[in-house]
Amino acid sequence: MAAALLAAAVLLIAGRVLRTDANSNLIVTVSIDNEKEYEYPLDEDREFTVKSKYGTNNVIIKDGEVCVTDADCPDRLCVKQGKAGEQGDTIICLPHRMVITVEEK
């Protein structure tokens, strides 16, 4: 039993390290109306607010993933989309005309 728990812990840690290495070549871009407003490395944790004439979104990059944690849009679908962390993933807020994309550097 203890050996199984130890093996599971080692696999989780190894997976985390491999994912972090893979994410070191990825960036998060935030565009409003097709104009790039922000660009941050996916492997550096940060929290920021995207404000535009359309509204406000709170965004967090943490542990190699990006998500919208709060928004003042009516449907909040961008918050409900969850986390993105793989190349090509997107989070979209149509009312705020915001697109978050995970892409290669």
C-alpha atoms as a PDB file:
ATOM      1  CA  MET A   1       0.000   0.000   0.000  1.00  0.00           C
ATOM      2  CA  ALA A   2       2.759   2.451   0.952  1.00  0.00           C
ATOM      3  CA  ALA A   3       4.705   1.527  -2.187  1.00  0.00           C
ATOM      4  CA  ALA A   4       1.651   2.260  -4.347  1.00  0.00           C
ATOM      5  CA  LEU A   5       1.176   5.660  -2.719  1.00  0.00           C
ATOM      6  CA  LEU A   6       4.846   6.476  -3.175  1.00  0.00           C
ATOM      7  CA  ALA A   7       4.730   5.419  -6.829  1.00  0.00           C
ATOM      8  CA  ALA A   8       1.636   7.570  -7.427  1.00  0.00           C
ATOM      9  CA  ALA A   9       3.321  10.574  -5.801  1.00  0.00           C
ATOM     10  CA  VAL A  10       6.436  10.121  -7.958  1.00  0.00           C
ATOM     11  CA  LEU A  11       4.305   9.921 -11.120  1.00  0.00           C
ATOM     12  CA  LEU A  12       2.404  13.086 -10.196  1.00  0.00           C
ATOM     13  CA  ILE A  13       5.599  15.006  -9.545  1.00  0.00           C
ATOM     14  CA  ALA A  14       7.221  13.717 -12.750  1.00  0.00           C
ATOM     15  CA  GLY A  15       4.150  14.699 -14.759  1.00  0.00           C
ATOM     16  CA  ARG A  16       4.211  18.158 -13.235  1.00  0.00           C
ATOM     17  CA  VAL A  17       7.903  18.639 -14.082  1.00  0.00           C
ATOM     18  CA  LEU A  18       7.443  17.436 -17.659  1.00  0.00           C
ATOM     19  CA  ARG A  19       4.417  19.677 -18.162  1.00  0.00           C
ATOM     20  CA  THR A  20       6.312  22.692 -16.798  1.00  0.00           C
ATOM     21  CA  ASP A  21       9.192  22.024 -19.219  1.00  0.00           C
ATOM     22  CA  ALA A  22       6.784  21.735 -22.146  1.00  0.00           C
ATOM     23  CA  ASN A  23       5.063  24.982 -21.124  1.00  0.00           C
ATOM     24  CA  SER A  24       8.329  26.931 -20.978  1.00  0.00           C
ATOM     25  CA  ASN A  25       8.050  27.450 -24.737  1.00  0.00           C
ATOM     26  CA  LEU A  26       4.447  28.717 -24.596  1.00  0.00           C
ATOM     27  CA  ILE A  27       3.004  32.195 -24.161  1.00  0.00           C
ATOM     28  CA  VAL A  28      -0.417  33.578 -23.329  1.00  0.00           C
ATOM     29  CA  THR A  29      -1.646  36.351 -25.601  1.00  0.00           C
ATOM     30  CA  VAL A  30      -4.672  38.479 -24.849  1.00  0.00           C
ATOM     31  CA  SER A  31      -6.290  40.341 -27.719  1.00  0.00           C
ATOM     32  CA  ILE A  32      -9.147  42.841 -27.762  1.00  0.00           C
ATOM     33  CA  ASP A  33     -10.768  43.489 -31.149  1.00  0.00           C
ATOM     34  CA  ASN A  34      -7.941  41.464 -32.779  1.00  0.00           C
ATOM     35  CA  GLU A  35      -5.295  43.793 -31.293  1.00  0.00           C
ATOM     36  CA  LYS A  36      -2.724  42.139 -29.012  1.00  0.00           C
ATOM     37  CA  GLU A  37      -2.880  43.832 -25.610  1.00  0.00           C
ATOM     38  CA  TYR A  38      -0.900  41.457 -23.364  1.00  0.00           C
ATOM     39  CA  GLU A  39       1.679  38.696 -23.782  1.00  0.00           C
ATOM     40  CA  TYR A  40       3.036  36.662 -20.870  1.00  0.00           C
ATOM     41  CA  PRO A  41       4.975  33.391 -20.499  1.00  0.00           C
ATOM     42  CA  LEU A  42       2.721  30.479 -19.536  1.00  0.00           C
ATOM     43  CA  ASP A  43       5.304  29.179 -17.085  1.00  0.00           C
ATOM     44  CA  GLU A  44       5.343  32.354 -14.930  1.00  0.00           C
ATOM     45  CA  ASP A  45       2.506  32.713 -12.432  1.00  0.00           C
ATOM     46  CA  ARG A  46       0.715  36.054 -12.468  1.00  0.00           C
ATOM     47  CA  GLU A  47      -2.685  37.646 -12.000  1.00  0.00           C
ATOM     48  CA  PHE A  48      -3.844  40.620 -14.037  1.00  0.00           C
ATOM     49  CA  THR A  49      -6.948  42.546 -15.026  1.00  0.00           C
ATOM     50  CA  VAL A  50      -7.937  43.155 -18.629  1.00  0.00           C
ATOM     51  CA  LYS A  51      -9.890  46.415 -18.883  1.00  0.00           C
ATOM     52  CA  SER A  52     -11.341  47.688 -22.119  1.00  0.00           C
ATOM     53  CA  LYS A  53     -14.231  49.858 -23.224  1.00  0.00           C
ATOM     54  CA  TYR A  54     -16.280  46.638 -23.341  1.00  0.00           C
ATOM     55  CA  GLY A  55     -15.687  45.493 -19.760  1.00  0.00           C
ATOM     56  CA  THR A  56     -13.315  43.887 -17.281  1.00  0.00           C
ATOM     57  CA  ASN A  57     -11.897  40.349 -16.968  1.00  0.00           C
ATOM     58  CA  ASN A  58      -9.644  39.006 -14.220  1.00  0.00           C
ATOM     59  CA  VAL A  59      -7.091  36.534 -15.550  1.00  0.00           C
ATOM     60  CA  ILE A  60      -4.737  34.184 -13.712  1.00  0.00           C
ATOM     61  CA  ILE A  61      -1.750  32.299 -15.099  1.00  0.00           C
ATOM     62  CA  LYS A  62      -0.774  29.639 -12.596  1.00  0.00           C
ATOM     63  CA  ASP A  63       0.935  26.260 -12.739  1.00  0.00           C
ATOM     64  CA  GLY A  64       1.185  26.333 -16.547  1.00  0.00           C
ATOM     65  CA  GLU A  65      -2.473  27.137 -17.174  1.00  0.00           C
ATOM     66  CA  VAL A  66      -4.477  30.290 -17.772  1.00  0.00           C
ATOM     67  CA  CYS A  67      -8.088  31.008 -16.814  1.00  0.00           C
ATOM     68  CA  VAL A  68     -10.535  33.857 -16.397  1.00  0.00           C
ATOM     69  CA  THR A  69     -11.587  33.998 -12.755  1.00  0.00           C
ATOM     70  CA  ASP A  70     -14.102  36.836 -12.956  1.00  0.00           C
ATOM     71  CA  ALA A  71     -15.785  38.978 -15.586  1.00  0.00           C
ATOM     72  CA  ASP A  72     -18.478  41.624 -15.660  1.00  0.00           C
ATOM     73  CA  CYS A  73     -20.063  40.308 -18.863  1.00  0.00           C
ATOM     74  CA  PRO A  74     -23.666  39.088 -18.599  1.00  0.00           C
ATOM     75  CA  ASP A  75     -23.155  35.377 -19.360  1.00  0.00           C
ATOM     76  CA  ARG A  76     -19.648  34.845 -17.843  1.00  0.00           C
ATOM     77  CA  LEU A  77     -18.996  32.027 -20.335  1.00  0.00           C
ATOM     78  CA  CYS A  78     -15.311  32.967 -20.338  1.00  0.00           C
ATOM     79  CA  VAL A  79     -15.152  32.065 -16.645  1.00  0.00           C
ATOM     80  CA  LYS A  80     -17.052  28.818 -17.235  1.00  0.00           C
ATOM     81  CA  GLN A  81     -14.630  27.738 -20.006  1.00  0.00           C
ATOM     82  CA  GLY A  82     -12.111  26.744 -17.349  1.00  0.00           C
ATOM     83  CA  LYS A  83      -8.363  26.451 -17.790  1.00  0.00           C
ATOM     84  CA  ALA A  84      -6.255  26.473 -20.942  1.00  0.00           C
ATOM     85  CA  GLY A  85      -2.702  25.184 -20.994  1.00  0.00           C
ATOM     86  CA  GLU A  86      -1.955  23.496 -24.294  1.00  0.00           C
ATOM     87  CA  GLN A  87      -0.773  25.095 -27.526  1.00  0.00           C
ATOM     88  CA  GLY A  88      -3.807  26.289 -29.504  1.00  0.00           C
ATOM     89  CA  ASP A  89      -6.157  26.490 -26.506  1.00  0.00           C
ATOM     90  CA  THR A  90      -8.347  29.589 -26.375  1.00  0.00           C
ATOM     91  CA  ILE A  91     -10.662  31.320 -23.948  1.00  0.00           C
ATOM     92  CA  ILE A  92     -13.109  33.737 -25.526  1.00  0.00           C
ATOM     93  CA  CYS A  93     -15.277  36.491 -24.072  1.00  0.00           C
ATOM     94  CA  LEU A  94     -17.545  37.642 -26.897  1.00  0.00           C
ATOM     95  CA  PRO A  95     -19.203  40.552 -25.054  1.00  0.00           C
ATOM     96  CA  HIS A  96     -15.763  41.998 -24.248  1.00  0.00           C
ATOM     97  CA  ARG A  97     -14.299  41.052 -27.653  1.00  0.00           C
ATOM     98  CA  MET A  98     -11.423  39.371 -25.830  1.00  0.00           C
ATOM     99  CA  VAL A  99      -9.532  36.269 -26.980  1.00  0.00           C
ATOM    100  CA  ILE A 100      -6.910  34.549 -24.845  1.00  0.00           C
ATOM    101  CA  THR A 101      -4.675  32.169 -26.791  1.00  0.00           C
ATOM    102  CA  VAL A 102      -1.926  29.778 -25.736  1.00  0.00           C
ATOM    103  CA  GLU A 103       0.745  29.683 -28.444  1.00  0.00           C
ATOM    104  CA  GLU A 104       4.437  29.046 -29.057  1.00  0.00           C
ATOM    105  CA  LYS A 105       6.950  31.829 -28.490  1.00  0.00           C
END
